[in-house]
């Protein structure tokens, strides 16, 4: 059984209720009753309205195995209707109504871990879908053996492709954004939203022990101390080494 933990934190200065990332499962309940484990993180775009709700709908849908293959288009329609119902429950001022018409946007990075086959104890396959700038990283020992969708820190930018809550937009083709790989017992699989993922890749490029720092986290307070430290550390260009953004880390060690 994989050993999985999730850690999260809102932007500095924001309340926990203002956190607009999301993750699946919502608690430390990682599929003990199912041989297939589905994990997901999403980053609701701050500049759009009700993006936190949209991010939660996306990870929940992925986690329940519904955003896959040919069924993904129909599922998107369903959760878009759910988003409209959720945001229409209370009246809004006119300026919020105007913004709402532009919809909400979110990244999504989902990981499905399959159990070992009959002839491959201690090894198995995984499948990942990533749209936007939330990332999957696979570590074996101290080596980064898979990085998706980005493999270099300079690939992050301010205009990633995101999933819209509006019908008729530029819908992602989930199959085109899906990759497959294999795991061995002891591998660590990380899912991260963009700010933390960018820091992680920059650290890997500089041979810094970023993977080890994330592997030593035991409880939420450890994560909060790390994030506070990174946000207050200034790099050679005079910038914080970690952008002040909502951050989410889902760590899974496969056995």
Foldseek 3Di string as FASTA:
>chain_A
DKQKDKAWDFFPPDDPVLQQKAKPPNHRPFCPPDQKTKIKIKGKDPVAPPSSLVNHLVRVCVRVVQCDDPRNVVSLVVVLVVSVVVVPPDDDPPVNVVRCVQFIWMKMKMKMWHADDPVGPQKGKMKMFTFWAWWKWKDDPNDTPDIPPDQALVVDDDDGGTAGSDPPDPHDDRVVRMDMDMDGAFMKMKIKPHQVSSLVNVCVVVVHSPVVQVVPDDDNVSVVVVVVVQCPDADPVRHRSTDRGIMMMMMIGHD
